């Protein structure tokens, strides 16, 4: 997720399935990575995914 506010990021980072995105060995703290293991898990993250999408669409 690339376009979340600080409060939304802090909330998500409390979840053990969520971490900062890592690319080429570097941690990118503006982006979050969610390890979704089951399709049912998607529902609890959907509000955050939609918020990130809406923010990106406004840019």
PDB file of N, CA and C in Angstrom:
ATOM      1  N   UNK A   1       0.850  -1.167   0.000  1.00  0.00           N
ATOM      2  CA  UNK A   1       0.000   0.000   0.000  1.00  0.00           C
ATOM      3  C   UNK A   1       0.894   1.228   0.000  1.00  0.00           C
ATOM      4  N   UNK A   2       0.643   2.116  -0.911  1.00  0.00           N
ATOM      5  CA  UNK A   2       1.570   3.230  -1.111  1.00  0.00           C
ATOM      6  C   UNK A   2       1.042   4.594  -0.711  1.00  0.00           C
ATOM      7  N   UNK A   3      -0.233   4.718  -0.450  1.00  0.00           N
ATOM      8  CA  UNK A   3      -0.810   6.047  -0.221  1.00  0.00           C
ATOM      9  C   UNK A   3      -1.676   6.108   1.034  1.00  0.00           C
ATOM     10  N   UNK A   4      -1.151   5.637   2.152  1.00  0.00           N
ATOM     11  CA  UNK A   4      -1.899   5.704   3.406  1.00  0.00           C
ATOM     12  C   UNK A   4      -1.353   6.811   4.287  1.00  0.00           C
ATOM     13  N   UNK A   5      -2.219   7.366   5.109  1.00  0.00           N
ATOM     14  CA  UNK A   5      -1.792   8.363   6.076  1.00  0.00           C
ATOM     15  C   UNK A   5      -1.048   7.705   7.230  1.00  0.00           C
ATOM     16  N   UNK A   6      -0.382   8.512   8.031  1.00  0.00           N
ATOM     17  CA  UNK A   6       0.414   7.996   9.143  1.00  0.00           C
ATOM     18  C   UNK A   6      -0.421   7.197  10.137  1.00  0.00           C
ATOM     19  N   UNK A   7      -1.629   7.674  10.420  1.00  0.00           N
ATOM     20  CA  UNK A   7      -2.493   6.980  11.381  1.00  0.00           C
ATOM     21  C   UNK A   7      -2.910   5.603  10.851  1.00  0.00           C
ATOM     22  N   UNK A   8      -3.254   5.544   9.581  1.00  0.00           N
ATOM     23  CA  UNK A   8      -3.634   4.264   8.975  1.00  0.00           C
ATOM     24  C   UNK A   8      -2.450   3.303   8.946  1.00  0.00           C
ATOM     25  N   UNK A   9      -1.265   3.814   8.639  1.00  0.00           N
ATOM     26  CA  UNK A   9      -0.064   2.973   8.645  1.00  0.00           C
ATOM     27  C   UNK A   9       0.200   2.418  10.033  1.00  0.00           C
ATOM     28  N   UNK A  10       0.104   3.278  11.048  1.00  0.00           N
ATOM     29  CA  UNK A  10       0.352   2.846  12.428  1.00  0.00           C
ATOM     30  C   UNK A  10      -0.629   1.750  12.832  1.00  0.00           C
ATOM     31  N   UNK A  11      -1.879   1.907  12.450  1.00  0.00           N
ATOM     32  CA  UNK A  11      -2.888   0.891  12.763  1.00  0.00           C
ATOM     33  C   UNK A  11      -2.546  -0.430  12.093  1.00  0.00           C
ATOM     34  N   UNK A  12      -2.200  -0.389  10.831  1.00  0.00           N
ATOM     35  CA  UNK A  12      -1.869  -1.619  10.108  1.00  0.00           C
ATOM     36  C   UNK A  12      -0.606  -2.283  10.645  1.00  0.00           C
ATOM     37  N   UNK A  13       0.382  -1.496  11.025  1.00  0.00           N
ATOM     38  CA  UNK A  13       1.647  -2.068  11.491  1.00  0.00           C
ATOM     39  C   UNK A  13       1.508  -2.816  12.814  1.00  0.00           C
ATOM     40  N   UNK A  14       0.383  -2.664  13.497  1.00  0.00           N
ATOM     41  CA  UNK A  14       0.128  -3.448  14.708  1.00  0.00           C
ATOM     42  C   UNK A  14      -0.195  -4.902  14.369  1.00  0.00           C
ATOM     43  N   UNK A  15      -0.559  -5.159  13.124  1.00  0.00           N
ATOM     44  CA  UNK A  15      -0.897  -6.503  12.656  1.00  0.00           C
ATOM     45  C   UNK A  15       0.390  -7.236  12.271  1.00  0.00           C
ATOM     46  N   UNK A  16       0.594  -8.455  12.776  1.00  0.00           N
ATOM     47  CA  UNK A  16       1.833  -9.185  12.449  1.00  0.00           C
ATOM     48  C   UNK A  16       1.990  -9.540  10.967  1.00  0.00           C
ATOM     49  N   UNK A  17       0.915  -9.491  10.192  1.00  0.00           N
ATOM     50  CA  UNK A  17       0.998  -9.806   8.762  1.00  0.00           C
ATOM     51  C   UNK A  17       1.434  -8.608   7.928  1.00  0.00           C
ATOM     52  N   UNK A  18       1.630  -7.453   8.585  1.00  0.00           N
ATOM     53  CA  UNK A  18       1.957  -6.219   7.871  1.00  0.00           C
ATOM     54  C   UNK A  18       3.365  -5.767   8.243  1.00  0.00           C
ATOM     55  N   UNK A  19       4.116  -5.358   7.232  1.00  0.00           N
ATOM     56  CA  UNK A  19       5.465  -4.833   7.461  1.00  0.00           C
ATOM     57  C   UNK A  19       5.775  -3.791   6.394  1.00  0.00           C
ATOM     58  N   UNK A  20       6.856  -3.079   6.606  1.00  0.00           N
ATOM     59  CA  UNK A  20       7.284  -2.127   5.587  1.00  0.00           C
ATOM     60  C   UNK A  20       7.752  -2.895   4.359  1.00  0.00           C
ATOM     61  N   UNK A  21       7.519  -2.326   3.193  1.00  0.00           N
ATOM     62  CA  UNK A  21       7.945  -2.931   1.937  1.00  0.00           C
ATOM     63  C   UNK A  21       9.466  -2.896   1.850  1.00  0.00           C
ATOM     64  N   UNK A  22      10.041  -3.983   1.340  1.00  0.00           N
ATOM     65  CA  UNK A  22      11.483  -4.062   1.142  1.00  0.00           C
ATOM     66  C   UNK A  22      11.749  -4.310  -0.337  1.00  0.00           C
ATOM     67  N   UNK A  23      12.610  -3.487  -0.919  1.00  0.00           N
ATOM     68  CA  UNK A  23      12.971  -3.644  -2.318  1.00  0.00           C
ATOM     69  C   UNK A  23      14.471  -3.527  -2.493  1.00  0.00           C
ATOM     70  N   UNK A  24      15.071  -4.514  -3.106  1.00  0.00           N
ATOM     71  CA  UNK A  24      16.523  -4.541  -3.329  1.00  0.00           C
ATOM     72  C   UNK A  24      17.287  -4.352  -2.022  1.00  0.00           C
ATOM     73  N   UNK A  25      16.773  -4.975  -0.953  1.00  0.00           N
ATOM     74  CA  UNK A  25      17.445  -4.918   0.335  1.00  0.00           C
ATOM     75  C   UNK A  25      17.227  -3.631   1.110  1.00  0.00           C
ATOM     76  N   UNK A  26      16.430  -2.723   0.584  1.00  0.00           N
ATOM     77  CA  UNK A  26      16.162  -1.452   1.267  1.00  0.00           C
ATOM     78  C   UNK A  26      14.733  -1.436   1.788  1.00  0.00           C
ATOM     79  N   UNK A  27      14.566  -0.926   2.989  1.00  0.00           N
ATOM     80  CA  UNK A  27      13.235  -0.791   3.574  1.00  0.00           C
ATOM     81  C   UNK A  27      12.643   0.538   3.116  1.00  0.00           C
ATOM     82  N   UNK A  28      11.451   0.472   2.561  1.00  0.00           N
ATOM     83  CA  UNK A  28      10.760   1.669   2.086  1.00  0.00           C
ATOM     84  C   UNK A  28       9.608   1.940   3.046  1.00  0.00           C
ATOM     85  N   UNK A  29       9.791   2.909   3.928  1.00  0.00           N
ATOM     86  CA  UNK A  29       8.833   3.170   4.998  1.00  0.00           C
ATOM     87  C   UNK A  29       7.572   3.896   4.535  1.00  0.00           C
ATOM     88  N   UNK A  30       7.533   4.345   3.308  1.00  0.00           N
ATOM     89  CA  UNK A  30       6.315   4.977   2.788  1.00  0.00           C
ATOM     90  C   UNK A  30       5.311   3.926   2.315  1.00  0.00           C
ATOM     91  N   UNK A  31       5.763   2.706   2.087  1.00  0.00           N
ATOM     92  CA  UNK A  31       4.914   1.645   1.550  1.00  0.00           C
ATOM     93  C   UNK A  31       4.786   0.513   2.556  1.00  0.00           C
ATOM     94  N   UNK A  32       3.627  -0.136   2.566  1.00  0.00           N
ATOM     95  CA  UNK A  32       3.402  -1.290   3.429  1.00  0.00           C
ATOM     96  C   UNK A  32       3.135  -2.528   2.582  1.00  0.00           C
ATOM     97  N   UNK A  33       3.549  -3.659   3.115  1.00  0.00           N
ATOM     98  CA  UNK A  33       3.344  -4.959   2.492  1.00  0.00           C
ATOM     99  C   UNK A  33       2.459  -5.784   3.421  1.00  0.00           C
ATOM    100  N   UNK A  34       1.421  -6.391   2.882  1.00  0.00           N
ATOM    101  CA  UNK A  34       0.531  -7.249   3.666  1.00  0.00           C
ATOM    102  C   UNK A  34       0.665  -8.674   3.140  1.00  0.00           C
ATOM    103  N   UNK A  35       1.021  -9.596   4.027  1.00  0.00           N
ATOM    104  CA  UNK A  35       1.109 -11.008   3.657  1.00  0.00           C
ATOM    105  C   UNK A  35      -0.274 -11.632   3.842  1.00  0.00           C
ATOM    106  N   UNK A  36      -1.022 -11.729   2.764  1.00  0.00           N
ATOM    107  CA  UNK A  36      -2.365 -12.305   2.810  1.00  0.00           C
ATOM    108  C   UNK A  36      -2.245 -13.785   2.467  1.00  0.00           C
ATOM    109  N   UNK A  37      -2.564 -14.623   3.447  1.00  0.00           N
ATOM    110  CA  UNK A  37      -2.403 -16.064   3.271  1.00  0.00           C
ATOM    111  C   UNK A  37      -3.697 -16.756   2.843  1.00  0.00           C
ATOM    112  N   UNK A  38      -4.821 -16.213   3.243  1.00  0.00           N
ATOM    113  CA  UNK A  38      -6.123 -16.794   2.931  1.00  0.00           C
ATOM    114  C   UNK A  38      -7.003 -15.734   2.263  1.00  0.00           C
ATOM    115  N   UNK A  39      -7.803 -16.104   1.292  1.00  0.00           N
ATOM    116  CA  UNK A  39      -8.703 -15.129   0.667  1.00  0.00           C
ATOM    117  C   UNK A  39      -9.603 -14.419   1.683  1.00  0.00           C
ATOM    118  N   UNK A  40      -9.997 -15.108   2.731  1.00  0.00           N
ATOM    119  CA  UNK A  40     -10.860 -14.501   3.751  1.00  0.00           C
ATOM    120  C   UNK A  40     -10.155 -13.358   4.478  1.00  0.00           C
ATOM    121  N   UNK A  41      -8.827 -13.368   4.520  1.00  0.00           N
ATOM    122  CA  UNK A  41      -8.062 -12.304   5.189  1.00  0.00           C
ATOM    123  C   UNK A  41      -8.204 -10.967   4.468  1.00  0.00           C
ATOM    124  N   UNK A  42      -8.485 -11.012   3.200  1.00  0.00           N
ATOM    125  CA  UNK A  42      -8.564  -9.795   2.396  1.00  0.00           C
ATOM    126  C   UNK A  42      -9.614  -8.825   2.928  1.00  0.00           C
ATOM    127  N   UNK A  43     -10.706  -9.353   3.436  1.00  0.00           N
ATOM    128  CA  UNK A  43     -11.813  -8.501   3.886  1.00  0.00           C
ATOM    129  C   UNK A  43     -11.384  -7.512   4.971  1.00  0.00           C
ATOM    130  N   UNK A  44     -10.555  -7.947   5.912  1.00  0.00           N
ATOM    131  CA  UNK A  44     -10.167  -7.031   6.998  1.00  0.00           C
ATOM    132  C   UNK A  44      -9.218  -5.936   6.534  1.00  0.00           C
ATOM    133  N   UNK A  45      -8.546  -6.143   5.416  1.00  0.00           N
ATOM    134  CA  UNK A  45      -7.624  -5.136   4.887  1.00  0.00           C
ATOM    135  C   UNK A  45      -8.265  -4.258   3.813  1.00  0.00           C
ATOM    136  N   UNK A  46      -9.425  -4.643   3.351  1.00  0.00           N
ATOM    137  CA  UNK A  46     -10.076  -3.934   2.252  1.00  0.00           C
ATOM    138  C   UNK A  46     -10.259  -2.436   2.494  1.00  0.00           C
ATOM    139  N   UNK A  47     -10.654  -1.985   3.682  1.00  0.00           N
ATOM    140  CA  UNK A  47     -10.774  -0.537   3.885  1.00  0.00           C
ATOM    141  C   UNK A  47      -9.449   0.207   3.667  1.00  0.00           C
ATOM    142  N   UNK A  48      -8.343  -0.405   4.052  1.00  0.00           N
ATOM    143  CA  UNK A  48      -7.033   0.219   3.876  1.00  0.00           C
ATOM    144  C   UNK A  48      -6.621   0.205   2.404  1.00  0.00           C
ATOM    145  N   UNK A  49      -6.910  -0.889   1.727  1.00  0.00           N
ATOM    146  CA  UNK A  49      -6.602  -0.989   0.300  1.00  0.00           C
ATOM    147  C   UNK A  49      -7.396   0.058  -0.482  1.00  0.00           C
ATOM    148  N   UNK A  50      -8.673   0.180  -0.155  1.00  0.00           N
ATOM    149  CA  UNK A  50      -9.516   1.163  -0.836  1.00  0.00           C
ATOM    150  C   UNK A  50      -9.057   2.593  -0.553  1.00  0.00           C
ATOM    151  N   UNK A  51      -8.663   2.873   0.692  1.00  0.00           N
ATOM    152  CA  UNK A  51      -8.188   4.217   1.047  1.00  0.00           C
ATOM    153  C   UNK A  51      -6.923   4.561   0.270  1.00  0.00           C
ATOM    154  N   UNK A  52      -6.011   3.609   0.160  1.00  0.00           N
ATOM    155  CA  UNK A  52      -4.778   3.834  -0.591  1.00  0.00           C
ATOM    156  C   UNK A  52      -5.091   4.063  -2.071  1.00  0.00           C
ATOM    157  N   UNK A  53      -5.997   3.272  -2.607  1.00  0.00           N
ATOM    158  CA  UNK A  53      -6.385   3.417  -4.011  1.00  0.00           C
ATOM    159  C   UNK A  53      -7.027   4.781  -4.269  1.00  0.00           C
ATOM    160  N   UNK A  54      -7.953   5.180  -3.398  1.00  0.00           N
ATOM    161  CA  UNK A  54      -8.625   6.480  -3.575  1.00  0.00           C
ATOM    162  C   UNK A  54      -7.615   7.625  -3.549  1.00  0.00           C
ATOM    163  N   UNK A  55      -6.678   7.562  -2.626  1.00  0.00           N
ATOM    164  CA  UNK A  55      -5.665   8.617  -2.525  1.00  0.00           C
ATOM    165  C   UNK A  55      -4.796   8.647  -3.781  1.00  0.00           C
ATOM    166  N   UNK A  56      -4.406   7.490  -4.276  1.00  0.00           N
ATOM    167  CA  UNK A  56      -3.581   7.425  -5.486  1.00  0.00           C
ATOM    168  C   UNK A  56      -4.354   7.936  -6.703  1.00  0.00           C
ATOM    169  N   UNK A  57      -5.644   7.655  -6.763  1.00  0.00           N
ATOM    170  CA  UNK A  57      -6.463   8.081  -7.902  1.00  0.00           C
ATOM    171  C   UNK A  57      -6.628   9.599  -7.947  1.00  0.00           C
ATOM    172  N   UNK A  58      -6.524  10.252  -6.808  1.00  0.00           N
ATOM    173  CA  UNK A  58      -6.656  11.705  -6.757  1.00  0.00           C
ATOM    174  C   UNK A  58      -5.397  12.417  -7.230  1.00  0.00           C
ATOM    175  N   UNK A  59      -4.294  11.730  -7.272  1.00  0.00           N
ATOM    176  CA  UNK A  59      -3.012  12.332  -7.647  1.00  0.00           C
ATOM    177  C   UNK A  59      -2.925  12.576  -9.126  1.00  0.00           C
TER     178      UNK A  59
END
